[in-house]
Amino acid sequence: MDFFISSVITLALVMDGFGNIPLFIAALKKVAPERRKIVLLRELGIALLIMVAFLFLGKWFLQAFGVRQFSLSIAGGIILFIISVRLVFGGEEEAKTDPKEDEPFVVPLAIPLVAGPAALSMVMILSAQSPNKLVTLGVVLAASLINSVILMLSFPISTLLGKRGLVAIERLTGMILVLMSVDMVMGGIAEFIKLGNV
């Protein structure tokens, strides 16, 4: 149960729903208001399918490329650290949407804003760490639900918190992710030493 709760919280933080609110608003700005929820649900569904695919193919990926679990943990921690530093110090990205296209499809909402490198790395790490795929599937579904609720309420939340409020939440999320990334790297190093590779 502790694994489930901690994994859901970690994955939800990595998916960075609050940090993605400004980007989602920018991407959906040209979409008709009555179509926004439909487009958003479609993109969130695509992102979920991608993460589930990574969950079930993660072990095969590791075996096919000869990647061991501690390597994935260290690499995932480094990616997560880079993402979290960007959040803390405010390296904002503009949503890459073509102004001629009213409705974004797959890019940039599903990929890379929801199912980005950090989220997919985390899913693969969870897949490697947990022997029970159903528990890990539950983690992905629960974290995706949390992220979806946040993003479905993106326009009201943005109005309520304002730009400064969203930035403050993004910075706090970044700080938490810094700690988690360091823990992932140290866990990978500890596993490396335990297996007698030094």
C-alpha atoms as a PDB file:
ATOM      1  CA  MET A   1       0.000   0.000   0.000  1.00  0.00           C
ATOM      2  CA  ASP A   2       2.883   2.352   0.798  1.00  0.00           C
ATOM      3  CA  PHE A   3       4.404   1.587  -2.610  1.00  0.00           C
ATOM      4  CA  PHE A   4       1.090   2.379  -4.315  1.00  0.00           C
ATOM      5  CA  ILE A   5       0.521   5.713  -2.543  1.00  0.00           C
ATOM      6  CA  SER A   6       4.098   6.929  -2.864  1.00  0.00           C
ATOM      7  CA  SER A   7       4.202   5.881  -6.532  1.00  0.00           C
ATOM      8  CA  VAL A   8       0.934   7.670  -7.328  1.00  0.00           C
ATOM      9  CA  ILE A   9       2.166  10.873  -5.653  1.00  0.00           C
ATOM     10  CA  THR A  10       5.552  10.683  -7.403  1.00  0.00           C
ATOM     11  CA  LEU A  11       4.088  10.033 -10.850  1.00  0.00           C
ATOM     12  CA  ALA A  12       1.433  12.746 -10.401  1.00  0.00           C
ATOM     13  CA  LEU A  13       4.143  15.249  -9.428  1.00  0.00           C
ATOM     14  CA  VAL A  14       6.305  14.204 -12.375  1.00  0.00           C
ATOM     15  CA  MET A  15       3.367  14.707 -14.744  1.00  0.00           C
ATOM     16  CA  ASP A  16       3.251  18.282 -13.358  1.00  0.00           C
ATOM     17  CA  GLY A  17      -0.421  19.120 -13.898  1.00  0.00           C
ATOM     18  CA  PHE A  18      -0.191  22.589 -12.343  1.00  0.00           C
ATOM     19  CA  GLY A  19       2.960  23.406 -14.291  1.00  0.00           C
ATOM     20  CA  ASN A  20       1.245  22.385 -17.539  1.00  0.00           C
ATOM     21  CA  ILE A  21      -1.821  24.591 -16.989  1.00  0.00           C
ATOM     22  CA  PRO A  22      -0.385  27.688 -18.761  1.00  0.00           C
ATOM     23  CA  LEU A  23       0.790  25.544 -21.697  1.00  0.00           C
ATOM     24  CA  PHE A  24      -2.574  23.797 -22.019  1.00  0.00           C
ATOM     25  CA  ILE A  25      -4.391  27.125 -21.909  1.00  0.00           C
ATOM     26  CA  ALA A  26      -2.123  28.489 -24.663  1.00  0.00           C
ATOM     27  CA  ALA A  27      -2.621  25.357 -26.796  1.00  0.00           C
ATOM     28  CA  LEU A  28      -6.414  25.393 -26.371  1.00  0.00           C
ATOM     29  CA  LYS A  29      -6.872  29.149 -26.692  1.00  0.00           C
ATOM     30  CA  LYS A  30      -7.878  28.963 -30.372  1.00  0.00           C
ATOM     31  CA  VAL A  31     -10.185  25.987 -29.819  1.00  0.00           C
ATOM     32  CA  ALA A  32     -13.897  26.742 -29.549  1.00  0.00           C
ATOM     33  CA  PRO A  33     -14.935  26.713 -25.838  1.00  0.00           C
ATOM     34  CA  GLU A  34     -17.502  23.959 -26.410  1.00  0.00           C
ATOM     35  CA  ARG A  35     -14.808  21.739 -27.979  1.00  0.00           C
ATOM     36  CA  ARG A  36     -12.098  22.244 -25.329  1.00  0.00           C
ATOM     37  CA  LYS A  37     -13.200  19.457 -22.975  1.00  0.00           C
ATOM     38  CA  ILE A  38     -13.558  16.980 -25.853  1.00  0.00           C
ATOM     39  CA  VAL A  39     -10.089  17.807 -27.201  1.00  0.00           C
ATOM     40  CA  LEU A  40      -8.591  17.691 -23.704  1.00  0.00           C
ATOM     41  CA  LEU A  41     -10.163  14.304 -22.910  1.00  0.00           C
ATOM     42  CA  ARG A  42      -8.922  12.928 -26.234  1.00  0.00           C
ATOM     43  CA  GLU A  43      -5.347  14.098 -25.597  1.00  0.00           C
ATOM     44  CA  LEU A  44      -5.364  12.796 -22.011  1.00  0.00           C
ATOM     45  CA  GLY A  45      -6.659   9.445 -23.277  1.00  0.00           C
ATOM     46  CA  ILE A  46      -3.857   9.216 -25.851  1.00  0.00           C
ATOM     47  CA  ALA A  47      -1.268  10.076 -23.176  1.00  0.00           C
ATOM     48  CA  LEU A  48      -2.685   7.363 -20.891  1.00  0.00           C
ATOM     49  CA  LEU A  49      -2.495   4.755 -23.670  1.00  0.00           C
ATOM     50  CA  ILE A  50       1.144   5.664 -24.298  1.00  0.00           C
ATOM     51  CA  MET A  51       2.017   5.323 -20.599  1.00  0.00           C
ATOM     52  CA  VAL A  52       0.199   1.972 -20.323  1.00  0.00           C
ATOM     53  CA  ALA A  53       2.139   0.750 -23.376  1.00  0.00           C
ATOM     54  CA  PHE A  54       5.404   1.762 -21.681  1.00  0.00           C
ATOM     55  CA  LEU A  55       4.270   0.000 -18.517  1.00  0.00           C
ATOM     56  CA  PHE A  56       3.787  -3.360 -20.226  1.00  0.00           C
ATOM     57  CA  LEU A  57       6.685  -3.034 -22.660  1.00  0.00           C
ATOM     58  CA  GLY A  58       9.126  -1.576 -20.129  1.00  0.00           C
ATOM     59  CA  LYS A  59      10.600  -4.942 -19.056  1.00  0.00           C
ATOM     60  CA  TRP A  60      10.990  -6.031 -22.679  1.00  0.00           C
ATOM     61  CA  PHE A  61      12.686  -2.703 -23.469  1.00  0.00           C
ATOM     62  CA  LEU A  62      15.171  -3.177 -20.633  1.00  0.00           C
ATOM     63  CA  GLN A  63      15.986  -6.742 -21.703  1.00  0.00           C
ATOM     64  CA  ALA A  64      16.204  -5.912 -25.405  1.00  0.00           C
ATOM     65  CA  PHE A  65      18.716  -3.128 -24.853  1.00  0.00           C
ATOM     66  CA  GLY A  66      20.563  -4.765 -21.959  1.00  0.00           C
ATOM     67  CA  VAL A  67      19.655  -1.957 -19.558  1.00  0.00           C
ATOM     68  CA  ARG A  68      19.757  -2.963 -15.897  1.00  0.00           C
ATOM     69  CA  GLN A  69      17.397  -1.578 -13.270  1.00  0.00           C
ATOM     70  CA  PHE A  70      19.977   0.531 -11.441  1.00  0.00           C
ATOM     71  CA  SER A  71      20.927   2.212 -14.753  1.00  0.00           C
ATOM     72  CA  LEU A  72      17.291   3.095 -15.387  1.00  0.00           C
ATOM     73  CA  SER A  73      16.934   4.433 -11.853  1.00  0.00           C
ATOM     74  CA  ILE A  74      20.022   6.656 -12.197  1.00  0.00           C
ATOM     75  CA  ALA A  75      19.051   7.848 -15.707  1.00  0.00           C
ATOM     76  CA  GLY A  76      15.481   8.541 -14.609  1.00  0.00           C
ATOM     77  CA  GLY A  77      16.769  10.463 -11.592  1.00  0.00           C
ATOM     78  CA  ILE A  78      18.998  12.612 -13.806  1.00  0.00           C
ATOM     79  CA  ILE A  79      16.124  13.371 -16.207  1.00  0.00           C
ATOM     80  CA  LEU A  80      13.856  14.144 -13.274  1.00  0.00           C
ATOM     81  CA  PHE A  81      16.523  16.425 -11.771  1.00  0.00           C
ATOM     82  CA  ILE A  82      16.818  18.389 -15.021  1.00  0.00           C
ATOM     83  CA  ILE A  83      13.023  18.748 -15.233  1.00  0.00           C
ATOM     84  CA  SER A  84      12.777  19.805 -11.577  1.00  0.00           C
ATOM     85  CA  VAL A  85      15.583  22.389 -11.879  1.00  0.00           C
ATOM     86  CA  ARG A  86      13.743  23.919 -14.831  1.00  0.00           C
ATOM     87  CA  LEU A  87      10.592  24.118 -12.702  1.00  0.00           C
ATOM     88  CA  VAL A  88      12.400  25.695  -9.743  1.00  0.00           C
ATOM     89  CA  PHE A  89      14.263  28.303 -11.782  1.00  0.00           C
ATOM     90  CA  GLY A  90      11.449  29.003 -14.206  1.00  0.00           C
ATOM     91  CA  GLY A  91      12.689  27.795 -17.566  1.00  0.00           C
ATOM     92  CA  GLU A  92       9.258  28.102 -19.147  1.00  0.00           C
ATOM     93  CA  GLU A  93       8.534  26.678 -22.555  1.00  0.00           C
ATOM     94  CA  GLU A  94       6.063  28.004 -25.034  1.00  0.00           C
ATOM     95  CA  ALA A  95       3.455  25.587 -26.309  1.00  0.00           C
ATOM     96  CA  LYS A  96       4.531  24.687 -29.844  1.00  0.00           C
ATOM     97  CA  THR A  97       1.243  24.945 -31.667  1.00  0.00           C
ATOM     98  CA  ASP A  98       0.681  25.929 -35.258  1.00  0.00           C
ATOM     99  CA  PRO A  99      -1.602  29.008 -35.246  1.00  0.00           C
ATOM    100  CA  LYS A 100      -3.291  27.666 -38.411  1.00  0.00           C
ATOM    101  CA  GLU A 101      -4.425  24.581 -36.519  1.00  0.00           C
ATOM    102  CA  ASP A 102      -7.334  25.121 -34.143  1.00  0.00           C
ATOM    103  CA  GLU A 103      -7.176  21.716 -32.465  1.00  0.00           C
ATOM    104  CA  PRO A 104      -3.834  20.260 -31.357  1.00  0.00           C
ATOM    105  CA  PHE A 105      -3.564  16.511 -31.952  1.00  0.00           C
ATOM    106  CA  VAL A 106      -1.143  14.314 -29.944  1.00  0.00           C
ATOM    107  CA  VAL A 107       1.598  16.998 -30.014  1.00  0.00           C
ATOM    108  CA  PRO A 108       2.131  19.010 -27.855  1.00  0.00           C
ATOM    109  CA  LEU A 109      -0.579  18.065 -25.313  1.00  0.00           C
ATOM    110  CA  ALA A 110      -0.421  14.248 -25.124  1.00  0.00           C
ATOM    111  CA  ILE A 111       3.295  14.228 -25.984  1.00  0.00           C
ATOM    112  CA  PRO A 112       5.433  15.710 -24.485  1.00  0.00           C
ATOM    113  CA  LEU A 113       3.385  17.718 -21.953  1.00  0.00           C
ATOM    114  CA  VAL A 114       1.598  14.761 -20.275  1.00  0.00           C
ATOM    115  CA  ALA A 115       3.460  11.649 -21.448  1.00  0.00           C
ATOM    116  CA  GLY A 116       6.861  13.336 -21.467  1.00  0.00           C
ATOM    117  CA  PRO A 117      10.342  11.831 -20.972  1.00  0.00           C
ATOM    118  CA  ALA A 118      10.219  12.120 -17.164  1.00  0.00           C
ATOM    119  CA  ALA A 119       6.743  10.522 -16.881  1.00  0.00           C
ATOM    120  CA  LEU A 120       7.629   7.680 -19.274  1.00  0.00           C
ATOM    121  CA  SER A 121      10.928   7.073 -17.458  1.00  0.00           C
ATOM    122  CA  MET A 122       9.061   6.932 -14.155  1.00  0.00           C
ATOM    123  CA  VAL A 123       6.516   4.455 -15.570  1.00  0.00           C
ATOM    124  CA  MET A 124       9.343   2.221 -16.785  1.00  0.00           C
ATOM    125  CA  ILE A 125      11.073   2.412 -13.386  1.00  0.00           C
ATOM    126  CA  LEU A 126       7.832   1.477 -11.608  1.00  0.00           C
ATOM    127  CA  SER A 127       7.337  -1.365 -14.092  1.00  0.00           C
ATOM    128  CA  ALA A 128      10.812  -2.704 -13.310  1.00  0.00           C
ATOM    129  CA  GLN A 129      10.454  -2.294  -9.535  1.00  0.00           C
ATOM    130  CA  SER A 130       7.012  -3.840  -9.087  1.00  0.00           C
ATOM    131  CA  PRO A 131       6.440  -7.536  -9.819  1.00  0.00           C
ATOM    132  CA  ASN A 132       2.681  -6.944  -9.918  1.00  0.00           C
ATOM    133  CA  LYS A 133       1.651  -5.219 -13.153  1.00  0.00           C
ATOM    134  CA  LEU A 134      -1.910  -4.671 -11.925  1.00  0.00           C
ATOM    135  CA  VAL A 135      -0.678  -2.561  -8.983  1.00  0.00           C
ATOM    136  CA  THR A 136       1.515  -0.501 -11.288  1.00  0.00           C
ATOM    137  CA  LEU A 137      -1.363  -0.138 -13.758  1.00  0.00           C
ATOM    138  CA  GLY A 138      -3.450   1.177 -10.853  1.00  0.00           C
ATOM    139  CA  VAL A 139      -0.669   3.683 -10.085  1.00  0.00           C
ATOM    140  CA  VAL A 140      -0.666   4.937 -13.688  1.00  0.00           C
ATOM    141  CA  LEU A 141      -4.476   5.177 -13.764  1.00  0.00           C
ATOM    142  CA  ALA A 142      -4.673   6.979 -10.394  1.00  0.00           C
ATOM    143  CA  ALA A 143      -1.909   9.468 -11.263  1.00  0.00           C
ATOM    144  CA  SER A 144      -3.483  10.067 -14.681  1.00  0.00           C
ATOM    145  CA  LEU A 145      -6.853  10.704 -13.023  1.00  0.00           C
ATOM    146  CA  ILE A 146      -5.315  13.287 -10.657  1.00  0.00           C
ATOM    147  CA  ASN A 147      -3.527  14.957 -13.568  1.00  0.00           C
ATOM    148  CA  SER A 148      -6.686  14.886 -15.694  1.00  0.00           C
ATOM    149  CA  VAL A 149      -8.813  16.547 -13.000  1.00  0.00           C
ATOM    150  CA  ILE A 150      -6.229  19.332 -12.631  1.00  0.00           C
ATOM    151  CA  LEU A 151      -6.018  19.919 -16.379  1.00  0.00           C
ATOM    152  CA  MET A 152      -9.784  19.682 -16.930  1.00  0.00           C
ATOM    153  CA  LEU A 153     -10.084  22.536 -14.429  1.00  0.00           C
ATOM    154  CA  SER A 154      -7.168  24.432 -15.987  1.00  0.00           C
ATOM    155  CA  PHE A 155      -9.121  27.526 -17.009  1.00  0.00           C
ATOM    156  CA  PRO A 156     -10.922  27.972 -13.620  1.00  0.00           C
ATOM    157  CA  ILE A 157      -7.717  27.177 -11.665  1.00  0.00           C
ATOM    158  CA  SER A 158      -5.750  29.674 -13.732  1.00  0.00           C
ATOM    159  CA  THR A 159      -8.331  32.370 -13.038  1.00  0.00           C
ATOM    160  CA  LEU A 160      -8.444  31.527  -9.312  1.00  0.00           C
ATOM    161  CA  LEU A 161      -4.700  31.340  -8.641  1.00  0.00           C
ATOM    162  CA  GLY A 162      -3.462  33.880 -11.146  1.00  0.00           C
ATOM    163  CA  LYS A 163      -0.053  33.746 -12.806  1.00  0.00           C
ATOM    164  CA  ARG A 164       1.891  34.177  -9.530  1.00  0.00           C
ATOM    165  CA  GLY A 165      -0.050  31.425  -7.793  1.00  0.00           C
ATOM    166  CA  LEU A 166       0.638  28.971 -10.629  1.00  0.00           C
ATOM    167  CA  VAL A 167       4.334  29.889 -10.601  1.00  0.00           C
ATOM    168  CA  ALA A 168       4.500  29.338  -6.817  1.00  0.00           C
ATOM    169  CA  ILE A 169       2.923  25.871  -7.119  1.00  0.00           C
ATOM    170  CA  GLU A 170       5.277  25.023  -9.994  1.00  0.00           C
ATOM    171  CA  ARG A 171       8.322  26.043  -7.901  1.00  0.00           C
ATOM    172  CA  LEU A 172       7.113  23.949  -4.942  1.00  0.00           C
ATOM    173  CA  THR A 173       6.583  20.949  -7.221  1.00  0.00           C
ATOM    174  CA  GLY A 174      10.092  21.451  -8.589  1.00  0.00           C
ATOM    175  CA  MET A 175      11.609  21.441  -5.094  1.00  0.00           C
ATOM    176  CA  ILE A 176       9.850  18.184  -4.203  1.00  0.00           C
ATOM    177  CA  LEU A 177      10.987  16.604  -7.481  1.00  0.00           C
ATOM    178  CA  VAL A 178      14.614  17.637  -6.809  1.00  0.00           C
ATOM    179  CA  LEU A 179      14.535  15.578  -3.596  1.00  0.00           C
ATOM    180  CA  MET A 180      12.905  12.638  -5.357  1.00  0.00           C
ATOM    181  CA  SER A 181      15.424  12.734  -8.219  1.00  0.00           C
ATOM    182  CA  VAL A 182      18.379  12.665  -5.802  1.00  0.00           C
ATOM    183  CA  ASP A 183      16.769   9.740  -3.967  1.00  0.00           C
ATOM    184  CA  MET A 184      16.345   7.859  -7.276  1.00  0.00           C
ATOM    185  CA  VAL A 185      19.998   8.411  -8.238  1.00  0.00           C
ATOM    186  CA  MET A 186      21.265   7.349  -4.793  1.00  0.00           C
ATOM    187  CA  GLY A 187      19.006   4.282  -4.875  1.00  0.00           C
ATOM    188  CA  GLY A 188      20.464   3.308  -8.253  1.00  0.00           C
ATOM    189  CA  ILE A 189      24.028   3.780  -6.973  1.00  0.00           C
ATOM    190  CA  ALA A 190      23.254   1.704  -3.853  1.00  0.00           C
ATOM    191  CA  GLU A 191      21.878  -1.098  -6.050  1.00  0.00           C
ATOM    192  CA  PHE A 192      24.969  -0.869  -8.276  1.00  0.00           C
ATOM    193  CA  ILE A 193      27.272  -1.246  -5.239  1.00  0.00           C
ATOM    194  CA  LYS A 194      25.153  -4.062  -3.789  1.00  0.00           C
ATOM    195  CA  LEU A 195      25.562  -6.092  -6.981  1.00  0.00           C
ATOM    196  CA  GLY A 196      29.343  -5.805  -6.598  1.00  0.00           C
ATOM    197  CA  ASN A 197      30.022  -3.692  -9.641  1.00  0.00           C
ATOM    198  CA  VAL A 198      32.746  -1.639  -7.943  1.00  0.00           C
END
